[in-house]
Each structure stands twice: as C-alpha cells, then as structure tokens.
Amino acid sequence: MEGQPRFQYGGYGFNIVDAWPVGWAYTDQCYIDYIDGEYFLFDLLHPGVRVVLFVVI
C-alpha cells in the first residue's frame, strides 16, 4: 500500500484505497464506519458517497 494516502485515527492507521471524491475537502467533517467486513470513510457534507479504507496494523 506504498504511495497511498494514509492517516491515523482512534489509534489505528488507515490507507485510502479509493480515489478522493470530487467536492470533498480535507477539512470536511468525516467519520469511519465498518460495513459488511470493510471500513469506509464518509463525509457529512456528501451523504451517500463513501471511500474504501484499508486498516494498517
């Protein structure tokens, strides 16, 4: 997963798998949810759009 954007949250590391959605800002309020065995990043300003995350251990 080298070269992919990553961030730390809640004691875990996450790599962003999907492309960053158009219209999302890095300053938007976001949250992480676990759905059907995968982690996703959601932006409160853009409901219905999600980004796949990979957990780095």
PDB file of N, CA and C in Angstrom:
ATOM      1  N   MET A   1       0.819  -1.195   0.000  1.00  0.00           N
ATOM      2  CA  MET A   1       0.000   0.000   0.000  1.00  0.00           C
ATOM      3  C   MET A   1       0.865   1.262   0.000  1.00  0.00           C
ATOM      4  N   GLU A   2       2.085   1.118  -0.469  1.00  0.00           N
ATOM      5  CA  GLU A   2       3.001   2.256  -0.521  1.00  0.00           C
ATOM      6  C   GLU A   2       2.508   3.292  -1.515  1.00  0.00           C
ATOM      7  N   GLY A   3       2.633   4.554  -1.147  1.00  0.00           N
ATOM      8  CA  GLY A   3       2.239   5.636  -2.034  1.00  0.00           C
ATOM      9  C   GLY A   3       0.789   6.059  -1.908  1.00  0.00           C
ATOM     10  N   GLN A   4      -0.008   5.302  -1.159  1.00  0.00           N
ATOM     11  CA  GLN A   4      -1.407   5.676  -0.968  1.00  0.00           C
ATOM     12  C   GLN A   4      -1.510   6.652   0.197  1.00  0.00           C
ATOM     13  N   PRO A   5      -2.473   7.587   0.109  1.00  0.00           N
ATOM     14  CA  PRO A   5      -2.680   8.494   1.241  1.00  0.00           C
ATOM     15  C   PRO A   5      -3.058   7.708   2.487  1.00  0.00           C
ATOM     16  N   ARG A   6      -2.597   8.177   3.616  1.00  0.00           N
ATOM     17  CA  ARG A   6      -2.909   7.490   4.873  1.00  0.00           C
ATOM     18  C   ARG A   6      -3.113   8.497   5.984  1.00  0.00           C
ATOM     19  N   PHE A   7      -3.771   8.042   7.045  1.00  0.00           N
ATOM     20  CA  PHE A   7      -3.993   8.888   8.210  1.00  0.00           C
ATOM     21  C   PHE A   7      -4.168   8.006   9.435  1.00  0.00           C
ATOM     22  N   GLN A   8      -4.031   8.618  10.604  1.00  0.00           N
ATOM     23  CA  GLN A   8      -4.215   7.951  11.892  1.00  0.00           C
ATOM     24  C   GLN A   8      -5.508   8.449  12.520  1.00  0.00           C
ATOM     25  N   TYR A   9      -6.269   7.532  13.117  1.00  0.00           N
ATOM     26  CA  TYR A   9      -7.492   7.922  13.804  1.00  0.00           C
ATOM     27  C   TYR A   9      -7.825   6.869  14.841  1.00  0.00           C
ATOM     28  N   GLY A  10      -8.108   7.298  16.041  1.00  0.00           N
ATOM     29  CA  GLY A  10      -8.524   6.385  17.101  1.00  0.00           C
ATOM     30  C   GLY A  10      -7.509   5.290  17.399  1.00  0.00           C
ATOM     31  N   GLY A  11      -6.228   5.584  17.203  1.00  0.00           N
ATOM     32  CA  GLY A  11      -5.200   4.602  17.483  1.00  0.00           C
ATOM     33  C   GLY A  11      -4.929   3.631  16.344  1.00  0.00           C
ATOM     34  N   TYR A  12      -5.602   3.795  15.208  1.00  0.00           N
ATOM     35  CA  TYR A  12      -5.422   2.923  14.064  1.00  0.00           C
ATOM     36  C   TYR A  12      -4.881   3.721  12.883  1.00  0.00           C
ATOM     37  N   GLY A  13      -4.173   3.034  11.999  1.00  0.00           N
ATOM     38  CA  GLY A  13      -3.715   3.637  10.757  1.00  0.00           C
ATOM     39  C   GLY A  13      -4.624   3.191   9.627  1.00  0.00           C
ATOM     40  N   PHE A  14      -4.927   4.091   8.716  1.00  0.00           N
ATOM     41  CA  PHE A  14      -5.787   3.784   7.580  1.00  0.00           C
ATOM     42  C   PHE A  14      -5.141   4.254   6.293  1.00  0.00           C
ATOM     43  N   ASN A  15      -5.172   3.415   5.263  1.00  0.00           N
ATOM     44  CA  ASN A  15      -4.794   3.814   3.917  1.00  0.00           C
ATOM     45  C   ASN A  15      -6.085   4.059   3.138  1.00  0.00           C
ATOM     46  N   ILE A  16      -6.098   5.099   2.334  1.00  0.00           N
ATOM     47  CA  ILE A  16      -7.255   5.394   1.496  1.00  0.00           C
ATOM     48  C   ILE A  16      -7.085   4.625   0.199  1.00  0.00           C
ATOM     49  N   VAL A  17      -8.004   3.696  -0.084  1.00  0.00           N
ATOM     50  CA  VAL A  17      -7.917   2.818  -1.246  1.00  0.00           C
ATOM     51  C   VAL A  17      -8.506   3.497  -2.483  1.00  0.00           C
ATOM     52  N   ASP A  18      -9.679   4.081  -2.358  1.00  0.00           N
ATOM     53  CA  ASP A  18     -10.364   4.724  -3.483  1.00  0.00           C
ATOM     54  C   ASP A  18      -9.791   6.109  -3.758  1.00  0.00           C
ATOM     55  N   ALA A  19     -10.095   6.621  -4.940  1.00  0.00           N
ATOM     56  CA  ALA A  19      -9.729   8.000  -5.278  1.00  0.00           C
ATOM     57  C   ALA A  19     -10.514   8.953  -4.386  1.00  0.00           C
ATOM     58  N   TRP A  20      -9.905  10.094  -4.063  1.00  0.00           N
ATOM     59  CA  TRP A  20     -10.568  11.106  -3.241  1.00  0.00           C
ATOM     60  C   TRP A  20     -11.717  11.707  -4.053  1.00  0.00           C
ATOM     61  N   PRO A  21     -12.945  11.671  -3.542  1.00  0.00           N
ATOM     62  CA  PRO A  21     -14.105  12.152  -4.303  1.00  0.00           C
ATOM     63  C   PRO A  21     -14.040  13.658  -4.604  1.00  0.00           C
ATOM     64  N   VAL A  22     -14.501  14.009  -5.781  1.00  0.00           N
ATOM     65  CA  VAL A  22     -14.587  15.413  -6.185  1.00  0.00           C
ATOM     66  C   VAL A  22     -15.545  16.125  -5.238  1.00  0.00           C
ATOM     67  N   GLY A  23     -15.166  17.285  -4.802  1.00  0.00           N
ATOM     68  CA  GLY A  23     -16.020  18.063  -3.911  1.00  0.00           C
ATOM     69  C   GLY A  23     -15.708  17.889  -2.436  1.00  0.00           C
ATOM     70  N   TRP A  24     -15.004  16.818  -2.085  1.00  0.00           N
ATOM     71  CA  TRP A  24     -14.628  16.627  -0.692  1.00  0.00           C
ATOM     72  C   TRP A  24     -13.419  17.505  -0.389  1.00  0.00           C
ATOM     73  N   ALA A  25     -13.438  18.129   0.785  1.00  0.00           N
ATOM     74  CA  ALA A  25     -12.289  18.903   1.250  1.00  0.00           C
ATOM     75  C   ALA A  25     -11.636  18.154   2.415  1.00  0.00           C
ATOM     76  N   TYR A  26     -10.336  18.317   2.558  1.00  0.00           N
ATOM     77  CA  TYR A  26      -9.636  17.651   3.661  1.00  0.00           C
ATOM     78  C   TYR A  26     -10.063  18.204   5.014  1.00  0.00           C
ATOM     79  N   THR A  27     -10.757  19.327   5.023  1.00  0.00           N
ATOM     80  CA  THR A  27     -11.224  19.933   6.267  1.00  0.00           C
ATOM     81  C   THR A  27     -12.677  19.578   6.587  1.00  0.00           C
ATOM     82  N   ASP A  28     -13.347  18.818   5.709  1.00  0.00           N
ATOM     83  CA  ASP A  28     -14.733  18.397   5.971  1.00  0.00           C
ATOM     84  C   ASP A  28     -14.791  17.486   7.190  1.00  0.00           C
ATOM     85  N   GLN A  29     -15.916  17.486   7.864  1.00  0.00           N
ATOM     86  CA  GLN A  29     -16.120  16.553   8.976  1.00  0.00           C
ATOM     87  C   GLN A  29     -16.466  15.188   8.395  1.00  0.00           C
ATOM     88  N   CYS A  30     -15.692  14.195   8.788  1.00  0.00           N
ATOM     89  CA  CYS A  30     -15.857  12.838   8.276  1.00  0.00           C
ATOM     90  C   CYS A  30     -15.972  11.859   9.434  1.00  0.00           C
ATOM     91  N   TYR A  31     -16.421  10.655   9.106  1.00  0.00           N
ATOM     92  CA  TYR A  31     -16.432   9.583  10.094  1.00  0.00           C
ATOM     93  C   TYR A  31     -16.129   8.265   9.400  1.00  0.00           C
ATOM     94  N   ILE A  32     -15.709   7.279  10.182  1.00  0.00           N
ATOM     95  CA  ILE A  32     -15.383   5.947   9.693  1.00  0.00           C
ATOM     96  C   ILE A  32     -16.444   4.989  10.188  1.00  0.00           C
ATOM     97  N   ASP A  33     -16.877   4.093   9.303  1.00  0.00           N
ATOM     98  CA  ASP A  33     -17.849   3.072   9.689  1.00  0.00           C
ATOM     99  C   ASP A  33     -17.387   1.724   9.142  1.00  0.00           C
ATOM    100  N   TYR A  34     -17.792   0.674   9.823  1.00  0.00           N
ATOM    101  CA  TYR A  34     -17.461  -0.693   9.435  1.00  0.00           C
ATOM    102  C   TYR A  34     -18.729  -1.345   8.922  1.00  0.00           C
ATOM    103  N   ILE A  35     -18.763  -1.696   7.634  1.00  0.00           N
ATOM    104  CA  ILE A  35     -19.965  -2.235   7.000  1.00  0.00           C
ATOM    105  C   ILE A  35     -19.589  -3.480   6.206  1.00  0.00           C
ATOM    106  N   ASP A  36     -20.278  -4.583   6.482  1.00  0.00           N
ATOM    107  CA  ASP A  36     -20.080  -5.835   5.741  1.00  0.00           C
ATOM    108  C   ASP A  36     -18.609  -6.231   5.610  1.00  0.00           C
ATOM    109  N   GLY A  37     -17.861  -6.082   6.696  1.00  0.00           N
ATOM    110  CA  GLY A  37     -16.478  -6.526   6.722  1.00  0.00           C
ATOM    111  C   GLY A  37     -15.458  -5.558   6.145  1.00  0.00           C
ATOM    112  N   GLU A  38     -15.871  -4.328   5.828  1.00  0.00           N
ATOM    113  CA  GLU A  38     -14.946  -3.330   5.290  1.00  0.00           C
ATOM    114  C   GLU A  38     -15.114  -2.013   6.029  1.00  0.00           C
ATOM    115  N   TYR A  39     -14.020  -1.231   6.054  1.00  0.00           N
ATOM    116  CA  TYR A  39     -14.053   0.103   6.640  1.00  0.00           C
ATOM    117  C   TYR A  39     -14.246   1.139   5.530  1.00  0.00           C
ATOM    118  N   PHE A  40     -15.070   2.143   5.829  1.00  0.00           N
ATOM    119  CA  PHE A  40     -15.358   3.205   4.869  1.00  0.00           C
ATOM    120  C   PHE A  40     -15.249   4.564   5.545  1.00  0.00           C
ATOM    121  N   LEU A  41     -14.829   5.544   4.774  1.00  0.00           N
ATOM    122  CA  LEU A  41     -14.791   6.933   5.210  1.00  0.00           C
ATOM    123  C   LEU A  41     -15.988   7.646   4.596  1.00  0.00           C
ATOM    124  N   PHE A  42     -16.759   8.343   5.421  1.00  0.00           N
ATOM    125  CA  PHE A  42     -17.930   9.093   4.985  1.00  0.00           C
ATOM    126  C   PHE A  42     -17.737  10.566   5.298  1.00  0.00           C
ATOM    127  N   ASP A  43     -18.215  11.428   4.423  1.00  0.00           N
ATOM    128  CA  ASP A  43     -18.154  12.877   4.586  1.00  0.00           C
ATOM    129  C   ASP A  43     -19.562  13.364   4.914  1.00  0.00           C
ATOM    130  N   LEU A  44     -19.720  14.087   6.020  1.00  0.00           N
ATOM    131  CA  LEU A  44     -21.046  14.553   6.439  1.00  0.00           C
ATOM    132  C   LEU A  44     -21.709  15.471   5.416  1.00  0.00           C
ATOM    133  N   LEU A  45     -20.908  16.176   4.612  1.00  0.00           N
ATOM    134  CA  LEU A  45     -21.463  17.094   3.619  1.00  0.00           C
ATOM    135  C   LEU A  45     -21.869  16.397   2.325  1.00  0.00           C
ATOM    136  N   HIS A  46     -21.482  15.130   2.167  1.00  0.00           N
ATOM    137  CA  HIS A  46     -21.765  14.400   0.927  1.00  0.00           C
ATOM    138  C   HIS A  46     -22.333  13.016   1.249  1.00  0.00           C
ATOM    139  N   PRO A  47     -23.549  12.956   1.757  1.00  0.00           N
ATOM    140  CA  PRO A  47     -24.132  11.659   2.120  1.00  0.00           C
ATOM    141  C   PRO A  47     -24.273  10.762   0.883  1.00  0.00           C
ATOM    142  N   GLY A  48     -24.101   9.487   1.096  1.00  0.00           N
ATOM    143  CA  GLY A  48     -24.242   8.529   0.016  1.00  0.00           C
ATOM    144  C   GLY A  48     -22.943   8.217  -0.710  1.00  0.00           C
ATOM    145  N   VAL A  49     -21.889   8.984  -0.443  1.00  0.00           N
ATOM    146  CA  VAL A  49     -20.581   8.737  -1.054  1.00  0.00           C
ATOM    147  C   VAL A  49     -19.676   8.184   0.041  1.00  0.00           C
ATOM    148  N   ARG A  50     -18.943   7.128  -0.299  1.00  0.00           N
ATOM    149  CA  ARG A  50     -18.027   6.548   0.683  1.00  0.00           C
ATOM    150  C   ARG A  50     -16.720   6.165   0.012  1.00  0.00           C
ATOM    151  N   VAL A  51     -15.673   6.124   0.804  1.00  0.00           N
ATOM    152  CA  VAL A  51     -14.330   5.793   0.335  1.00  0.00           C
ATOM    153  C   VAL A  51     -13.858   4.557   1.093  1.00  0.00           C
ATOM    154  N   VAL A  52     -13.365   3.572   0.375  1.00  0.00           N
ATOM    155  CA  VAL A  52     -12.876   2.335   0.994  1.00  0.00           C
ATOM    156  C   VAL A  52     -11.550   2.631   1.702  1.00  0.00           C
ATOM    157  N   LEU A  53     -11.423   2.086   2.914  1.00  0.00           N
ATOM    158  CA  LEU A  53     -10.205   2.236   3.713  1.00  0.00           C
ATOM    159  C   LEU A  53      -9.602   0.864   3.988  1.00  0.00           C
ATOM    160  N   PHE A  54      -8.291   0.824   4.103  1.00  0.00           N
ATOM    161  CA  PHE A  54      -7.569  -0.369   4.496  1.00  0.00           C
ATOM    162  C   PHE A  54      -6.929  -0.093   5.840  1.00  0.00           C
ATOM    163  N   VAL A  55      -7.157  -0.963   6.820  1.00  0.00           N
ATOM    164  CA  VAL A  55      -6.598  -0.775   8.155  1.00  0.00           C
ATOM    165  C   VAL A  55      -5.155  -1.267   8.175  1.00  0.00           C
ATOM    166  N   VAL A  56      -4.259  -0.424   8.690  1.00  0.00           N
ATOM    167  CA  VAL A  56      -2.842  -0.751   8.792  1.00  0.00           C
ATOM    168  C   VAL A  56      -2.556  -1.142  10.236  1.00  0.00           C
ATOM    169  N   ILE A  57      -2.061  -2.344  10.408  1.00  0.00           N
ATOM    170  CA  ILE A  57      -1.781  -2.840  11.760  1.00  0.00           C
ATOM    171  C   ILE A  57      -0.288  -2.856  12.001  1.00  0.00           C
TER     172      ILE A  57
END
